[in-house]
Amino acid sequence: MSVLKVIEVLSSSETSWEDATKKAISKASKTLKNIKSVYVQDQSATVENGTVKEFRVNLKLTFELE
């Protein structure tokens, strides 16, 4: 039987929501093993002078405990 744990992670990117998601997984995988899935719970962006300055994502990462 496997046991999975879910944590919440916040990330941002100046490029896109997809890039913010990839950055979060890359950073989390440096300290977490066995990441199985990611669920994008929320997306938002900051706007400055009429343009998007930063894309933000709130993710739920699922990983298997050893």
PDB file of N, CA and C in Angstrom:
ATOM      1  N   MET A   1       0.846  -1.181   0.000  1.00  0.00           N
ATOM      2  CA  MET A   1       0.000   0.000   0.000  1.00  0.00           C
ATOM      3  C   MET A   1       0.885   1.235   0.000  1.00  0.00           C
ATOM      4  N   SER A   2       0.544   2.201  -0.811  1.00  0.00           N
ATOM      5  CA  SER A   2       1.304   3.448  -0.829  1.00  0.00           C
ATOM      6  C   SER A   2       0.529   4.537  -0.087  1.00  0.00           C
ATOM      7  N   VAL A   3       1.290   5.458   0.466  1.00  0.00           N
ATOM      8  CA  VAL A   3       0.705   6.591   1.174  1.00  0.00           C
ATOM      9  C   VAL A   3       1.140   7.854   0.445  1.00  0.00           C
ATOM     10  N   LEU A   4       0.180   8.703   0.132  1.00  0.00           N
ATOM     11  CA  LEU A   4       0.454   9.943  -0.582  1.00  0.00           C
ATOM     12  C   LEU A   4       0.196  11.134   0.325  1.00  0.00           C
ATOM     13  N   LYS A   5       0.966  12.194   0.103  1.00  0.00           N
ATOM     14  CA  LYS A   5       0.791  13.426   0.862  1.00  0.00           C
ATOM     15  C   LYS A   5       0.575  14.564  -0.132  1.00  0.00           C
ATOM     16  N   VAL A   6      -0.256  15.526   0.246  1.00  0.00           N
ATOM     17  CA  VAL A   6      -0.538  16.687  -0.594  1.00  0.00           C
ATOM     18  C   VAL A   6      -0.084  17.940   0.146  1.00  0.00           C
ATOM     19  N   ILE A   7       0.669  18.787  -0.561  1.00  0.00           N
ATOM     20  CA  ILE A   7       1.074  20.072   0.014  1.00  0.00           C
ATOM     21  C   ILE A   7       0.665  21.187  -0.941  1.00  0.00           C
ATOM     22  N   GLU A   8       0.559  22.374  -0.409  1.00  0.00           N
ATOM     23  CA  GLU A   8       0.203  23.536  -1.211  1.00  0.00           C
ATOM     24  C   GLU A   8       1.460  24.351  -1.477  1.00  0.00           C
ATOM     25  N   VAL A   9       1.624  24.767  -2.737  1.00  0.00           N
ATOM     26  CA  VAL A   9       2.812  25.511  -3.159  1.00  0.00           C
ATOM     27  C   VAL A   9       2.360  26.724  -3.972  1.00  0.00           C
ATOM     28  N   LEU A  10       3.010  27.847  -3.750  1.00  0.00           N
ATOM     29  CA  LEU A  10       2.749  29.065  -4.518  1.00  0.00           C
ATOM     30  C   LEU A  10       3.970  29.353  -5.384  1.00  0.00           C
ATOM     31  N   SER A  11       3.739  29.817  -6.611  1.00  0.00           N
ATOM     32  CA  SER A  11       4.845  30.117  -7.514  1.00  0.00           C
ATOM     33  C   SER A  11       4.452  31.263  -8.433  1.00  0.00           C
ATOM     34  N   SER A  12       5.465  31.917  -8.997  1.00  0.00           N
ATOM     35  CA  SER A  12       5.186  33.012  -9.924  1.00  0.00           C
ATOM     36  C   SER A  12       6.195  33.024 -11.065  1.00  0.00           C
ATOM     37  N   SER A  13       5.810  33.696 -12.141  1.00  0.00           N
ATOM     38  CA  SER A  13       6.666  33.821 -13.315  1.00  0.00           C
ATOM     39  C   SER A  13       6.295  35.100 -14.057  1.00  0.00           C
ATOM     40  N   GLU A  14       7.261  35.697 -14.700  1.00  0.00           N
ATOM     41  CA  GLU A  14       6.981  36.862 -15.533  1.00  0.00           C
ATOM     42  C   GLU A  14       6.548  36.450 -16.937  1.00  0.00           C
ATOM     43  N   THR A  15       6.633  35.133 -17.238  1.00  0.00           N
ATOM     44  CA  THR A  15       6.346  34.624 -18.578  1.00  0.00           C
ATOM     45  C   THR A  15       4.920  34.111 -18.740  1.00  0.00           C
ATOM     46  N   SER A  16       4.515  33.122 -17.880  1.00  0.00           N
ATOM     47  CA  SER A  16       3.204  32.510 -18.049  1.00  0.00           C
ATOM     48  C   SER A  16       2.838  31.685 -16.816  1.00  0.00           C
ATOM     49  N   TRP A  17       1.557  31.259 -16.764  1.00  0.00           N
ATOM     50  CA  TRP A  17       1.128  30.368 -15.692  1.00  0.00           C
ATOM     51  C   TRP A  17       1.809  29.008 -15.832  1.00  0.00           C
ATOM     52  N   GLU A  18       1.981  28.571 -17.066  1.00  0.00           N
ATOM     53  CA  GLU A  18       2.657  27.291 -17.312  1.00  0.00           C
ATOM     54  C   GLU A  18       4.094  27.336 -16.793  1.00  0.00           C
ATOM     55  N   ASP A  19       4.785  28.424 -17.039  1.00  0.00           N
ATOM     56  CA  ASP A  19       6.159  28.561 -16.551  1.00  0.00           C
ATOM     57  C   ASP A  19       6.194  28.594 -15.027  1.00  0.00           C
ATOM     58  N   ALA A  20       5.241  29.261 -14.412  1.00  0.00           N
ATOM     59  CA  ALA A  20       5.170  29.298 -12.946  1.00  0.00           C
ATOM     60  C   ALA A  20       4.962  27.896 -12.384  1.00  0.00           C
ATOM     61  N   THR A  21       4.126  27.097 -13.054  1.00  0.00           N
ATOM     62  CA  THR A  21       3.892  25.718 -12.627  1.00  0.00           C
ATOM     63  C   THR A  21       5.161  24.889 -12.754  1.00  0.00           C
ATOM     64  N   LYS A  22       5.852  25.017 -13.874  1.00  0.00           N
ATOM     65  CA  LYS A  22       7.095  24.276 -14.086  1.00  0.00           C
ATOM     66  C   LYS A  22       8.168  24.665 -13.059  1.00  0.00           C
ATOM     67  N   LYS A  23       8.237  25.952 -12.734  1.00  0.00           N
ATOM     68  CA  LYS A  23       9.210  26.410 -11.733  1.00  0.00           C
ATOM     69  C   LYS A  23       8.910  25.804 -10.364  1.00  0.00           C
ATOM     70  N   ALA A  24       7.635  25.741 -10.019  1.00  0.00           N
ATOM     71  CA  ALA A  24       7.246  25.174  -8.720  1.00  0.00           C
ATOM     72  C   ALA A  24       7.632  23.707  -8.627  1.00  0.00           C
ATOM     73  N   ILE A  25       7.360  22.948  -9.683  1.00  0.00           N
ATOM     74  CA  ILE A  25       7.693  21.519  -9.685  1.00  0.00           C
ATOM     75  C   ILE A  25       9.200  21.321  -9.642  1.00  0.00           C
ATOM     76  N   SER A  26       9.924  22.114 -10.406  1.00  0.00           N
ATOM     77  CA  SER A  26      11.387  22.005 -10.431  1.00  0.00           C
ATOM     78  C   SER A  26      11.983  22.282  -9.055  1.00  0.00           C
ATOM     79  N   LYS A  27      11.521  23.327  -8.419  1.00  0.00           N
ATOM     80  CA  LYS A  27      12.030  23.692  -7.089  1.00  0.00           C
ATOM     81  C   LYS A  27      11.637  22.651  -6.044  1.00  0.00           C
ATOM     82  N   ALA A  28      10.385  22.218  -6.063  1.00  0.00           N
ATOM     83  CA  ALA A  28       9.904  21.242  -5.082  1.00  0.00           C
ATOM     84  C   ALA A  28      10.618  19.905  -5.232  1.00  0.00           C
ATOM     85  N   SER A  29      10.945  19.518  -6.458  1.00  0.00           N
ATOM     86  CA  SER A  29      11.584  18.221  -6.681  1.00  0.00           C
ATOM     87  C   SER A  29      13.013  18.164  -6.150  1.00  0.00           C
ATOM     88  N   LYS A  30      13.569  19.305  -5.779  1.00  0.00           N
ATOM     89  CA  LYS A  30      14.910  19.321  -5.175  1.00  0.00           C
ATOM     90  C   LYS A  30      14.892  18.788  -3.741  1.00  0.00           C
ATOM     91  N   THR A  31      13.736  18.893  -3.080  1.00  0.00           N
ATOM     92  CA  THR A  31      13.638  18.406  -1.703  1.00  0.00           C
ATOM     93  C   THR A  31      12.589  17.321  -1.515  1.00  0.00           C
ATOM     94  N   LEU A  32      11.693  17.157  -2.469  1.00  0.00           N
ATOM     95  CA  LEU A  32      10.652  16.125  -2.383  1.00  0.00           C
ATOM     96  C   LEU A  32      10.920  15.037  -3.404  1.00  0.00           C
ATOM     97  N   LYS A  33      10.781  13.793  -2.989  1.00  0.00           N
ATOM     98  CA  LYS A  33      10.915  12.665  -3.904  1.00  0.00           C
ATOM     99  C   LYS A  33       9.526  12.163  -4.291  1.00  0.00           C
ATOM    100  N   ASN A  34       9.458  11.507  -5.409  1.00  0.00           N
ATOM    101  CA  ASN A  34       8.243  10.806  -5.837  1.00  0.00           C
ATOM    102  C   ASN A  34       7.032  11.713  -6.050  1.00  0.00           C
ATOM    103  N   ILE A  35       7.234  12.882  -6.646  1.00  0.00           N
ATOM    104  CA  ILE A  35       6.094  13.742  -6.983  1.00  0.00           C
ATOM    105  C   ILE A  35       5.276  13.021  -8.056  1.00  0.00           C
ATOM    106  N   LYS A  36       3.997  12.862  -7.789  1.00  0.00           N
ATOM    107  CA  LYS A  36       3.121  12.094  -8.674  1.00  0.00           C
ATOM    108  C   LYS A  36       2.201  12.959  -9.524  1.00  0.00           C
ATOM    109  N   SER A  37       1.756  14.093  -8.978  1.00  0.00           N
ATOM    110  CA  SER A  37       0.841  14.937  -9.742  1.00  0.00           C
ATOM    111  C   SER A  37       0.831  16.347  -9.192  1.00  0.00           C
ATOM    112  N   VAL A  38       0.272  17.230  -9.998  1.00  0.00           N
ATOM    113  CA  VAL A  38       0.098  18.621  -9.583  1.00  0.00           C
ATOM    114  C   VAL A  38      -1.301  19.057 -10.018  1.00  0.00           C
ATOM    115  N   TYR A  39      -1.967  19.782  -9.138  1.00  0.00           N
ATOM    116  CA  TYR A  39      -3.296  20.306  -9.420  1.00  0.00           C
ATOM    117  C   TYR A  39      -3.228  21.824  -9.297  1.00  0.00           C
ATOM    118  N   VAL A  40      -3.526  22.519 -10.374  1.00  0.00           N
ATOM    119  CA  VAL A  40      -3.528  23.980 -10.341  1.00  0.00           C
ATOM    120  C   VAL A  40      -4.840  24.414  -9.706  1.00  0.00           C
ATOM    121  N   GLN A  41      -4.740  24.881  -8.479  1.00  0.00           N
ATOM    122  CA  GLN A  41      -5.931  25.247  -7.715  1.00  0.00           C
ATOM    123  C   GLN A  41      -6.415  26.647  -8.073  1.00  0.00           C
ATOM    124  N   ASP A  42      -5.473  27.552  -8.329  1.00  0.00           N
ATOM    125  CA  ASP A  42      -5.853  28.938  -8.563  1.00  0.00           C
ATOM    126  C   ASP A  42      -4.807  29.612  -9.429  1.00  0.00           C
ATOM    127  N   GLN A  43      -5.237  30.545 -10.258  1.00  0.00           N
ATOM    128  CA  GLN A  43      -4.336  31.345 -11.081  1.00  0.00           C
ATOM    129  C   GLN A  43      -4.684  32.814 -10.874  1.00  0.00           C
ATOM    130  N   SER A  44      -3.657  33.651 -10.850  1.00  0.00           N
ATOM    131  CA  SER A  44      -3.884  35.087 -10.768  1.00  0.00           C
ATOM    132  C   SER A  44      -2.715  35.794 -11.431  1.00  0.00           C
ATOM    133  N   ALA A  45      -2.844  37.095 -11.597  1.00  0.00           N
ATOM    134  CA  ALA A  45      -1.772  37.877 -12.207  1.00  0.00           C
ATOM    135  C   ALA A  45      -1.766  39.268 -11.610  1.00  0.00           C
ATOM    136  N   THR A  46      -0.587  39.871 -11.594  1.00  0.00           N
ATOM    137  CA  THR A  46      -0.489  41.268 -11.185  1.00  0.00           C
ATOM    138  C   THR A  46      -0.376  42.117 -12.449  1.00  0.00           C
ATOM    139  N   VAL A  47      -0.941  43.298 -12.393  1.00  0.00           N
ATOM    140  CA  VAL A  47      -0.954  44.185 -13.556  1.00  0.00           C
ATOM    141  C   VAL A  47      -0.281  45.499 -13.170  1.00  0.00           C
ATOM    142  N   GLU A  48       0.554  45.982 -14.082  1.00  0.00           N
ATOM    143  CA  GLU A  48       1.229  47.259 -13.872  1.00  0.00           C
ATOM    144  C   GLU A  48       1.208  48.041 -15.179  1.00  0.00           C
ATOM    145  N   ASN A  49       0.718  49.244 -15.133  1.00  0.00           N
ATOM    146  CA  ASN A  49       0.631  50.109 -16.313  1.00  0.00           C
ATOM    147  C   ASN A  49      -0.106  49.443 -17.476  1.00  0.00           C
ATOM    148  N   GLY A  50      -1.167  48.736 -17.164  1.00  0.00           N
ATOM    149  CA  GLY A  50      -1.998  48.140 -18.197  1.00  0.00           C
ATOM    150  C   GLY A  50      -1.480  46.845 -18.806  1.00  0.00           C
ATOM    151  N   THR A  51      -0.398  46.290 -18.264  1.00  0.00           N
ATOM    152  CA  THR A  51       0.121  45.018 -18.773  1.00  0.00           C
ATOM    153  C   THR A  51       0.364  44.047 -17.616  1.00  0.00           C
ATOM    154  N   VAL A  52       0.324  42.778 -17.945  1.00  0.00           N
ATOM    155  CA  VAL A  52       0.563  41.761 -16.922  1.00  0.00           C
ATOM    156  C   VAL A  52       2.040  41.770 -16.553  1.00  0.00           C
ATOM    157  N   LYS A  53       2.298  41.917 -15.267  1.00  0.00           N
ATOM    158  CA  LYS A  53       3.677  41.941 -14.778  1.00  0.00           C
ATOM    159  C   LYS A  53       4.123  40.567 -14.286  1.00  0.00           C
ATOM    160  N   GLU A  54       3.205  39.840 -13.635  1.00  0.00           N
ATOM    161  CA  GLU A  54       3.578  38.560 -13.037  1.00  0.00           C
ATOM    162  C   GLU A  54       2.386  37.612 -13.040  1.00  0.00           C
ATOM    163  N   PHE A  55       2.635  36.370 -13.439  1.00  0.00           N
ATOM    164  CA  PHE A  55       1.638  35.306 -13.392  1.00  0.00           C
ATOM    165  C   PHE A  55       1.859  34.504 -12.121  1.00  0.00           C
ATOM    166  N   ARG A  56       0.789  34.191 -11.398  1.00  0.00           N
ATOM    167  CA  ARG A  56       0.904  33.462 -10.133  1.00  0.00           C
ATOM    168  C   ARG A  56       0.007  32.229 -10.153  1.00  0.00           C
ATOM    169  N   VAL A  57       0.506  31.143  -9.562  1.00  0.00           N
ATOM    170  CA  VAL A  57      -0.282  29.924  -9.441  1.00  0.00           C
ATOM    171  C   VAL A  57      -0.236  29.416  -8.005  1.00  0.00           C
ATOM    172  N   ASN A  58      -1.343  28.836  -7.602  1.00  0.00           N
ATOM    173  CA  ASN A  58      -1.451  28.156  -6.318  1.00  0.00           C
ATOM    174  C   ASN A  58      -1.673  26.691  -6.673  1.00  0.00           C
ATOM    175  N   LEU A  59      -0.711  25.830  -6.296  1.00  0.00           N
ATOM    176  CA  LEU A  59      -0.728  24.429  -6.705  1.00  0.00           C
ATOM    177  C   LEU A  59      -0.883  23.502  -5.524  1.00  0.00           C
ATOM    178  N   LYS A  60      -1.425  22.327  -5.799  1.00  0.00           N
ATOM    179  CA  LYS A  60      -1.406  21.237  -4.832  1.00  0.00           C
ATOM    180  C   LYS A  60      -0.528  20.147  -5.442  1.00  0.00           C
ATOM    181  N   LEU A  61       0.568  19.843  -4.770  1.00  0.00           N
ATOM    182  CA  LEU A  61       1.491  18.807  -5.210  1.00  0.00           C
ATOM    183  C   LEU A  61       1.227  17.538  -4.436  1.00  0.00           C
ATOM    184  N   THR A  62       1.152  16.430  -5.143  1.00  0.00           N
ATOM    185  CA  THR A  62       0.964  15.122  -4.494  1.00  0.00           C
ATOM    186  C   THR A  62       2.232  14.311  -4.682  1.00  0.00           C
ATOM    187  N   PHE A  63       2.733  13.765  -3.565  1.00  0.00           N
ATOM    188  CA  PHE A  63       3.918  12.928  -3.654  1.00  0.00           C
ATOM    189  C   PHE A  63       3.764  11.713  -2.753  1.00  0.00           C
ATOM    190  N   GLU A  64       4.476  10.655  -3.113  1.00  0.00           N
ATOM    191  CA  GLU A  64       4.391   9.399  -2.390  1.00  0.00           C
ATOM    192  C   GLU A  64       5.422   9.364  -1.271  1.00  0.00           C
ATOM    193  N   LEU A  65       4.975   8.980  -0.078  1.00  0.00           N
ATOM    194  CA  LEU A  65       5.888   8.857   1.052  1.00  0.00           C
ATOM    195  C   LEU A  65       6.600   7.507   0.981  1.00  0.00           C
ATOM    196  N   GLU A  66       7.853   7.520   1.355  1.00  0.00           N
ATOM    197  CA  GLU A  66       8.630   6.273   1.347  1.00  0.00           C
ATOM    198  C   GLU A  66       8.411   5.495   2.612  1.00  0.00           C
TER     199      GLU A  66
END
